[in-house]
Amino acid sequence: MIEISSLNKSFGKVCVLEGISLSIDKSGVFAILGPNGSGKTTLIKCILGMVIPQGGTIKINEQPVRKQWYYRKHINYLPQIARFPDNLKVAELIRMITNLRNQKANDKELIRLFKLEPFLDKKLGNLSGGTKQKVNLVLTFMFDNPILILDEPTTGLDPVSLIHLKELIKKEKESGKTILITTHIMDFVEAMADEVVFLLEGNIYFEGTVKSLKEHGGKSNLEEAIATILTQQNV
């Protein structure tokens, strides 16, 4: 479903992605991990066409995405930081996104799930970071599309909302969707991910299951295994 070949991206003299190749041809939850600056967000933005690589190709359903846009209608994207117009009300934003995408939306169900009814007539600039993230999740999950890309989805969520997020991800996985997640929360990865892609200095250092990554790092805990790998790389 997603095929990346020899992807290169530099910002000035800084090489962020160095010839990355990755193939995801099945449904499930794929965690893209790595330290800050490893290229996680850049990789995601290349897939979305928000960043143009200097070399390599990206295909979605066997079709190159370069200079295309329609494929993005079939991707739900949650950005790392939710930036909304401050003077827009929550209900207005949801209505605007629904009209722009022109797809059936299950926003009402998600609004109830995250208990956003009291905030629908509130301006986005007056909301807390956690409430903005709940709005962000509604916008991401309200459309039925085969690919979801979630960049740090747990940011600012309270424990109850985090449980609802996990339930939503499991539901989407069970319906046969492909879900890419970046996060620094290793407990979340252990609970949700089927496979892990670990980036290090613009390269894929490891690709496989969570269990295999822990064995690779020689630890029973994922966080400790990754810390061991990073320590070894810095020696």
C-alpha atoms as a PDB file:
ATOM      1  CA  MET A   1       0.000   0.000   0.000  1.00  0.00           C
ATOM      2  CA  ILE A   2       2.900   2.372   0.819  1.00  0.00           C
ATOM      3  CA  GLU A   3       6.171   1.865  -1.033  1.00  0.00           C
ATOM      4  CA  ILE A   4       9.178   4.127  -0.461  1.00  0.00           C
ATOM      5  CA  SER A   5      12.349   3.688  -2.506  1.00  0.00           C
ATOM      6  CA  SER A   6      15.746   5.393  -1.972  1.00  0.00           C
ATOM      7  CA  LEU A   7      14.218   8.500  -0.411  1.00  0.00           C
ATOM      8  CA  ASN A   8      16.606  11.411   0.136  1.00  0.00           C
ATOM      9  CA  LYS A   9      15.869  14.746   1.759  1.00  0.00           C
ATOM     10  CA  SER A  10      18.214  17.512   2.887  1.00  0.00           C
ATOM     11  CA  PHE A  11      17.554  20.919   4.375  1.00  0.00           C
ATOM     12  CA  GLY A  12      20.526  22.993   3.326  1.00  0.00           C
ATOM     13  CA  LYS A  13      23.640  21.061   4.304  1.00  0.00           C
ATOM     14  CA  VAL A  14      21.755  18.850   6.758  1.00  0.00           C
ATOM     15  CA  CYS A  15      20.796  15.447   5.338  1.00  0.00           C
ATOM     16  CA  VAL A  16      17.611  14.309   7.094  1.00  0.00           C
ATOM     17  CA  LEU A  17      16.763  11.180   5.080  1.00  0.00           C
ATOM     18  CA  GLU A  18      19.524   9.137   3.461  1.00  0.00           C
ATOM     19  CA  GLY A  19      18.201   6.737   0.836  1.00  0.00           C
ATOM     20  CA  ILE A  20      15.367   5.288   2.907  1.00  0.00           C
ATOM     21  CA  SER A  21      13.453   2.336   1.441  1.00  0.00           C
ATOM     22  CA  LEU A  22      10.347   0.992   3.158  1.00  0.00           C
ATOM     23  CA  SER A  23       7.414  -1.158   2.065  1.00  0.00           C
ATOM     24  CA  ILE A  24       4.153  -1.427   4.008  1.00  0.00           C
ATOM     25  CA  ASP A  25       1.815  -3.726   2.119  1.00  0.00           C
ATOM     26  CA  LYS A  26      -0.625  -4.797   4.814  1.00  0.00           C
ATOM     27  CA  SER A  27      -2.969  -3.421   7.419  1.00  0.00           C
ATOM     28  CA  GLY A  28      -1.924  -2.888  11.020  1.00  0.00           C
ATOM     29  CA  VAL A  29      -0.217  -0.375  13.285  1.00  0.00           C
ATOM     30  CA  PHE A  30       3.307   0.666  12.314  1.00  0.00           C
ATOM     31  CA  ALA A  31       5.259   2.793  14.795  1.00  0.00           C
ATOM     32  CA  ILE A  32       7.939   5.075  13.331  1.00  0.00           C
ATOM     33  CA  LEU A  33      10.424   5.656  16.135  1.00  0.00           C
ATOM     34  CA  GLY A  34      13.713   7.446  16.607  1.00  0.00           C
ATOM     35  CA  PRO A  35      15.356  10.254  18.580  1.00  0.00           C
ATOM     36  CA  ASN A  36      14.698  13.913  17.816  1.00  0.00           C
ATOM     37  CA  GLY A  37      16.091  14.837  14.415  1.00  0.00           C
ATOM     38  CA  SER A  38      16.081  11.266  13.103  1.00  0.00           C
ATOM     39  CA  GLY A  39      13.714  12.131  10.234  1.00  0.00           C
ATOM     40  CA  LYS A  40      10.370  10.796  11.482  1.00  0.00           C
ATOM     41  CA  THR A  41       8.238  13.861  10.783  1.00  0.00           C
ATOM     42  CA  THR A  42      10.090  14.582   7.538  1.00  0.00           C
ATOM     43  CA  LEU A  43       9.315  11.064   6.312  1.00  0.00           C
ATOM     44  CA  ILE A  44       5.638  11.517   7.125  1.00  0.00           C
ATOM     45  CA  LYS A  45       5.508  14.896   5.412  1.00  0.00           C
ATOM     46  CA  CYS A  46       7.151  13.416   2.321  1.00  0.00           C
ATOM     47  CA  ILE A  47       4.417  10.761   2.182  1.00  0.00           C
ATOM     48  CA  LEU A  48       1.804  13.513   2.446  1.00  0.00           C
ATOM     49  CA  GLY A  49       3.461  15.684  -0.202  1.00  0.00           C
ATOM     50  CA  MET A  50       4.102  18.460   2.326  1.00  0.00           C
ATOM     51  CA  VAL A  51       7.869  18.086   1.855  1.00  0.00           C
ATOM     52  CA  ILE A  52       9.417  17.365  -1.549  1.00  0.00           C
ATOM     53  CA  PRO A  53      12.380  14.955  -1.454  1.00  0.00           C
ATOM     54  CA  GLN A  54      15.462  15.522  -3.596  1.00  0.00           C
ATOM     55  CA  GLY A  55      15.567  11.889  -4.668  1.00  0.00           C
ATOM     56  CA  GLY A  56      13.682   8.617  -4.524  1.00  0.00           C
ATOM     57  CA  THR A  57      10.046   7.695  -5.043  1.00  0.00           C
ATOM     58  CA  ILE A  58       6.920   7.225  -2.961  1.00  0.00           C
ATOM     59  CA  LYS A  59       3.988   5.149  -4.207  1.00  0.00           C
ATOM     60  CA  ILE A  60       0.551   4.751  -2.651  1.00  0.00           C
ATOM     61  CA  ASN A  61      -1.362   1.780  -4.043  1.00  0.00           C
ATOM     62  CA  GLU A  62       1.315   1.442  -6.743  1.00  0.00           C
ATOM     63  CA  GLN A  63       0.797   5.024  -7.945  1.00  0.00           C
ATOM     64  CA  PRO A  64       3.592   7.633  -7.625  1.00  0.00           C
ATOM     65  CA  VAL A  65       2.538  10.565  -5.446  1.00  0.00           C
ATOM     66  CA  ARG A  66       4.918  13.139  -6.959  1.00  0.00           C
ATOM     67  CA  LYS A  67       2.949  16.087  -8.368  1.00  0.00           C
ATOM     68  CA  GLN A  68      -0.307  14.386  -7.398  1.00  0.00           C
ATOM     69  CA  TRP A  69      -2.847  15.418  -4.789  1.00  0.00           C
ATOM     70  CA  TYR A  70      -5.947  13.248  -5.071  1.00  0.00           C
ATOM     71  CA  TYR A  71      -4.390  10.339  -3.142  1.00  0.00           C
ATOM     72  CA  ARG A  72      -4.462  12.504  -0.010  1.00  0.00           C
ATOM     73  CA  LYS A  73      -8.266  12.246   0.061  1.00  0.00           C
ATOM     74  CA  HIS A  74      -7.755   8.661   1.200  1.00  0.00           C
ATOM     75  CA  ILE A  75      -5.411   9.539   4.081  1.00  0.00           C
ATOM     76  CA  ASN A  76      -6.425  10.801   7.510  1.00  0.00           C
ATOM     77  CA  TYR A  77      -3.635  12.872   9.085  1.00  0.00           C
ATOM     78  CA  LEU A  78      -3.144  14.047  12.642  1.00  0.00           C
ATOM     79  CA  PRO A  79      -0.318  16.627  12.834  1.00  0.00           C
ATOM     80  CA  GLN A  80       2.003  16.801  15.814  1.00  0.00           C
ATOM     81  CA  ILE A  81       0.835  20.307  16.730  1.00  0.00           C
ATOM     82  CA  ALA A  82      -2.776  21.341  16.176  1.00  0.00           C
ATOM     83  CA  ARG A  83      -2.740  24.862  14.755  1.00  0.00           C
ATOM     84  CA  PHE A  84      -6.224  26.282  14.225  1.00  0.00           C
ATOM     85  CA  PRO A  85      -7.504  29.829  13.560  1.00  0.00           C
ATOM     86  CA  ASP A  86      -8.021  31.277  17.061  1.00  0.00           C
ATOM     87  CA  ASN A  87     -11.266  33.090  16.232  1.00  0.00           C
ATOM     88  CA  LEU A  88     -12.957  30.033  14.691  1.00  0.00           C
ATOM     89  CA  LYS A  89     -15.405  28.052  16.807  1.00  0.00           C
ATOM     90  CA  VAL A  90     -15.004  24.283  17.204  1.00  0.00           C
ATOM     91  CA  ALA A  91     -18.294  23.531  15.396  1.00  0.00           C
ATOM     92  CA  GLU A  92     -17.321  25.876  12.566  1.00  0.00           C
ATOM     93  CA  LEU A  93     -13.971  24.135  12.108  1.00  0.00           C
ATOM     94  CA  ILE A  94     -15.534  20.662  12.006  1.00  0.00           C
ATOM     95  CA  ARG A  95     -18.144  21.852   9.502  1.00  0.00           C
ATOM     96  CA  MET A  96     -15.494  23.523   7.353  1.00  0.00           C
ATOM     97  CA  ILE A  97     -13.285  20.400   7.202  1.00  0.00           C
ATOM     98  CA  THR A  98     -16.304  18.224   6.406  1.00  0.00           C
ATOM     99  CA  ASN A  99     -17.265  20.518   3.531  1.00  0.00           C
ATOM    100  CA  LEU A 100     -13.700  20.661   2.208  1.00  0.00           C
ATOM    101  CA  ARG A 101     -13.265  16.887   2.152  1.00  0.00           C
ATOM    102  CA  ASN A 102     -16.779  16.245   0.888  1.00  0.00           C
ATOM    103  CA  GLN A 103     -16.942  12.865   2.624  1.00  0.00           C
ATOM    104  CA  LYS A 104     -19.384  11.332   5.048  1.00  0.00           C
ATOM    105  CA  ALA A 105     -18.246  12.122   8.586  1.00  0.00           C
ATOM    106  CA  ASN A 106     -19.006  10.479  11.929  1.00  0.00           C
ATOM    107  CA  ASP A 107     -18.136  13.638  13.858  1.00  0.00           C
ATOM    108  CA  LYS A 108     -21.150  13.455  16.195  1.00  0.00           C
ATOM    109  CA  GLU A 109     -20.109  10.061  17.558  1.00  0.00           C
ATOM    110  CA  LEU A 110     -16.554  11.279  18.172  1.00  0.00           C
ATOM    111  CA  ILE A 111     -17.738  14.537  19.762  1.00  0.00           C
ATOM    112  CA  ARG A 112     -19.735  12.481  22.270  1.00  0.00           C
ATOM    113  CA  LEU A 113     -16.797  10.113  22.841  1.00  0.00           C
ATOM    114  CA  PHE A 114     -14.420  12.938  23.767  1.00  0.00           C
ATOM    115  CA  LYS A 115     -17.159  14.938  25.551  1.00  0.00           C
ATOM    116  CA  LEU A 116     -16.677  18.020  23.374  1.00  0.00           C
ATOM    117  CA  GLU A 117     -20.322  19.164  23.361  1.00  0.00           C
ATOM    118  CA  PRO A 118     -19.682  22.031  25.852  1.00  0.00           C
ATOM    119  CA  PHE A 119     -16.878  23.342  23.625  1.00  0.00           C
ATOM    120  CA  LEU A 120     -18.615  23.404  20.236  1.00  0.00           C
ATOM    121  CA  ASP A 121     -19.460  27.108  20.493  1.00  0.00           C
ATOM    122  CA  LYS A 122     -16.097  28.022  22.033  1.00  0.00           C
ATOM    123  CA  LYS A 123     -13.400  29.741  19.997  1.00  0.00           C
ATOM    124  CA  LEU A 124     -10.368  27.548  19.368  1.00  0.00           C
ATOM    125  CA  GLY A 125      -8.011  30.193  20.723  1.00  0.00           C
ATOM    126  CA  ASN A 126      -9.652  29.844  24.146  1.00  0.00           C
ATOM    127  CA  LEU A 127      -9.197  26.074  24.434  1.00  0.00           C
ATOM    128  CA  SER A 128      -6.566  24.236  26.445  1.00  0.00           C
ATOM    129  CA  GLY A 129      -3.920  22.202  24.631  1.00  0.00           C
ATOM    130  CA  GLY A 130      -5.593  18.939  25.633  1.00  0.00           C
ATOM    131  CA  THR A 131      -8.994  20.037  24.334  1.00  0.00           C
ATOM    132  CA  LYS A 132      -7.435  21.164  21.047  1.00  0.00           C
ATOM    133  CA  GLN A 133      -5.902  17.711  20.727  1.00  0.00           C
ATOM    134  CA  LYS A 134      -9.343  16.134  21.195  1.00  0.00           C
ATOM    135  CA  VAL A 135     -10.660  18.349  18.396  1.00  0.00           C
ATOM    136  CA  ASN A 136      -7.667  17.263  16.328  1.00  0.00           C
ATOM    137  CA  LEU A 137      -8.587  13.609  16.943  1.00  0.00           C
ATOM    138  CA  VAL A 138     -12.185  14.197  15.879  1.00  0.00           C
ATOM    139  CA  LEU A 139     -10.984  15.758  12.616  1.00  0.00           C
ATOM    140  CA  THR A 140      -8.653  12.804  12.030  1.00  0.00           C
ATOM    141  CA  PHE A 141     -10.963   9.894  12.799  1.00  0.00           C
ATOM    142  CA  MET A 142     -14.264  11.236  11.459  1.00  0.00           C
ATOM    143  CA  PHE A 143     -13.595  10.080   7.874  1.00  0.00           C
ATOM    144  CA  ASP A 144     -13.489   6.456   6.713  1.00  0.00           C
ATOM    145  CA  ASN A 145     -10.209   6.174   4.782  1.00  0.00           C
ATOM    146  CA  PRO A 146      -7.730   3.284   4.395  1.00  0.00           C
ATOM    147  CA  ILE A 147      -4.601   5.066   5.681  1.00  0.00           C
ATOM    148  CA  LEU A 148      -4.146   6.973   8.942  1.00  0.00           C
ATOM    149  CA  ILE A 149      -0.991   8.898   9.833  1.00  0.00           C
ATOM    150  CA  LEU A 150      -0.787   9.997  13.465  1.00  0.00           C
ATOM    151  CA  ASP A 151       2.112  12.227  14.515  1.00  0.00           C
ATOM    152  CA  GLU A 152       2.446  12.168  18.338  1.00  0.00           C
ATOM    153  CA  PRO A 153      -1.284  11.448  18.889  1.00  0.00           C
ATOM    154  CA  THR A 154      -1.091  11.167  22.697  1.00  0.00           C
ATOM    155  CA  THR A 155       0.113  14.750  23.271  1.00  0.00           C
ATOM    156  CA  GLY A 156      -1.895  16.500  25.995  1.00  0.00           C
ATOM    157  CA  LEU A 157      -4.450  13.720  26.466  1.00  0.00           C
ATOM    158  CA  ASP A 158      -5.883  12.825  29.864  1.00  0.00           C
ATOM    159  CA  PRO A 159      -6.022   9.107  30.819  1.00  0.00           C
ATOM    160  CA  VAL A 160      -9.661   8.654  29.767  1.00  0.00           C
ATOM    161  CA  SER A 161      -9.094  10.254  26.364  1.00  0.00           C
ATOM    162  CA  LEU A 162      -5.972   8.113  25.913  1.00  0.00           C
ATOM    163  CA  ILE A 163      -8.062   4.987  26.456  1.00  0.00           C
ATOM    164  CA  HIS A 164     -10.560   6.217  23.844  1.00  0.00           C
ATOM    165  CA  LEU A 165      -7.701   6.874  21.403  1.00  0.00           C
ATOM    166  CA  LYS A 166      -6.414   3.318  21.841  1.00  0.00           C
ATOM    167  CA  GLU A 167      -9.914   1.954  21.267  1.00  0.00           C
ATOM    168  CA  LEU A 168     -10.270   3.994  18.077  1.00  0.00           C
ATOM    169  CA  ILE A 169      -6.920   2.774  16.752  1.00  0.00           C
ATOM    170  CA  LYS A 170      -7.809  -0.857  17.508  1.00  0.00           C
ATOM    171  CA  LYS A 171     -11.158  -0.431  15.764  1.00  0.00           C
ATOM    172  CA  GLU A 172      -9.519   1.049  12.661  1.00  0.00           C
ATOM    173  CA  LYS A 173      -6.926  -1.732  12.634  1.00  0.00           C
ATOM    174  CA  GLU A 174      -9.627  -4.393  12.866  1.00  0.00           C
ATOM    175  CA  SER A 175     -11.360  -2.846   9.852  1.00  0.00           C
ATOM    176  CA  GLY A 176      -8.225  -3.479   7.781  1.00  0.00           C
ATOM    177  CA  LYS A 177      -6.630  -0.032   7.766  1.00  0.00           C
ATOM    178  CA  THR A 178      -2.940   0.893   7.701  1.00  0.00           C
ATOM    179  CA  ILE A 179      -1.951   3.161  10.595  1.00  0.00           C
ATOM    180  CA  LEU A 180       1.406   4.950  10.877  1.00  0.00           C
ATOM    181  CA  ILE A 181       2.235   6.424  14.280  1.00  0.00           C
ATOM    182  CA  THR A 182       5.147   8.475  15.556  1.00  0.00           C
ATOM    183  CA  THR A 183       5.492   8.790  19.317  1.00  0.00           C
ATOM    184  CA  HIS A 184       8.019   9.017  22.131  1.00  0.00           C
ATOM    185  CA  ILE A 185       5.724   7.095  24.505  1.00  0.00           C
ATOM    186  CA  MET A 186       7.084   3.553  24.513  1.00  0.00           C
ATOM    187  CA  ASP A 187       4.258   2.115  26.632  1.00  0.00           C
ATOM    188  CA  PHE A 188       1.892   3.271  23.902  1.00  0.00           C
ATOM    189  CA  VAL A 189       4.036   1.564  21.237  1.00  0.00           C
ATOM    190  CA  GLU A 190       4.131  -1.708  23.185  1.00  0.00           C
ATOM    191  CA  ALA A 191       0.351  -1.630  23.584  1.00  0.00           C
ATOM    192  CA  MET A 192      -0.539  -0.677  20.006  1.00  0.00           C
ATOM    193  CA  ALA A 193       2.165  -1.441  17.434  1.00  0.00           C
ATOM    194  CA  ASP A 194       2.378  -4.542  15.254  1.00  0.00           C
ATOM    195  CA  GLU A 195       5.702  -3.482  13.777  1.00  0.00           C
ATOM    196  CA  VAL A 196       8.341  -0.840  14.404  1.00  0.00           C
ATOM    197  CA  VAL A 197      10.494   1.192  12.026  1.00  0.00           C
ATOM    198  CA  PHE A 198      13.376   2.716  13.982  1.00  0.00           C
ATOM    199  CA  LEU A 199      15.109   5.673  12.324  1.00  0.00           C
ATOM    200  CA  LEU A 200      18.577   6.814  13.284  1.00  0.00           C
ATOM    201  CA  GLU A 201      20.403   9.716  11.639  1.00  0.00           C
ATOM    202  CA  GLY A 202      18.230   9.568   8.535  1.00  0.00           C
ATOM    203  CA  ASN A 203      18.515   5.804   8.031  1.00  0.00           C
ATOM    204  CA  ILE A 204      16.362   2.819   8.928  1.00  0.00           C
ATOM    205  CA  TYR A 205      18.328   1.208  11.753  1.00  0.00           C
ATOM    206  CA  PHE A 206      15.745  -1.485  12.537  1.00  0.00           C
ATOM    207  CA  GLU A 207      12.503  -2.819  11.088  1.00  0.00           C
ATOM    208  CA  GLY A 208      10.463  -5.560  12.739  1.00  0.00           C
ATOM    209  CA  THR A 209       8.247  -6.419  15.692  1.00  0.00           C
ATOM    210  CA  VAL A 210       8.374  -4.802  19.120  1.00  0.00           C
ATOM    211  CA  LYS A 211       9.578  -8.120  20.538  1.00  0.00           C
ATOM    212  CA  SER A 212      12.426  -8.270  18.017  1.00  0.00           C
ATOM    213  CA  LEU A 213      13.486  -4.703  18.803  1.00  0.00           C
ATOM    214  CA  LYS A 214      13.636  -5.499  22.523  1.00  0.00           C
ATOM    215  CA  GLU A 215      15.738  -8.576  21.773  1.00  0.00           C
ATOM    216  CA  HIS A 216      17.994  -6.458  19.557  1.00  0.00           C
ATOM    217  CA  GLY A 217      18.552  -4.035  22.419  1.00  0.00           C
ATOM    218  CA  GLY A 218      19.014  -6.877  24.897  1.00  0.00           C
ATOM    219  CA  LYS A 219      16.259  -5.676  27.230  1.00  0.00           C
ATOM    220  CA  SER A 220      12.784  -6.853  28.209  1.00  0.00           C
ATOM    221  CA  ASN A 221      11.540  -3.253  28.329  1.00  0.00           C
ATOM    222  CA  LEU A 222      11.201  -1.343  25.027  1.00  0.00           C
ATOM    223  CA  GLU A 223      12.257   2.007  26.470  1.00  0.00           C
ATOM    224  CA  GLU A 224      15.400   0.470  27.965  1.00  0.00           C
ATOM    225  CA  ALA A 225      16.162  -1.408  24.746  1.00  0.00           C
ATOM    226  CA  ILE A 226      16.038   1.808  22.701  1.00  0.00           C
ATOM    227  CA  ALA A 227      18.114   3.663  25.296  1.00  0.00           C
ATOM    228  CA  THR A 228      20.738   0.893  25.059  1.00  0.00           C
ATOM    229  CA  ILE A 229      20.798   1.117  21.243  1.00  0.00           C
ATOM    230  CA  LEU A 230      21.212   4.901  21.327  1.00  0.00           C
ATOM    231  CA  THR A 231      23.959   4.676  23.948  1.00  0.00           C
ATOM    232  CA  GLN A 232      25.850   2.129  21.861  1.00  0.00           C
ATOM    233  CA  GLN A 233      25.549   4.313  18.775  1.00  0.00           C
ATOM    234  CA  ASN A 234      26.965   7.314  20.640  1.00  0.00           C
ATOM    235  CA  VAL A 235      30.010   5.479  22.006  1.00  0.00           C
END
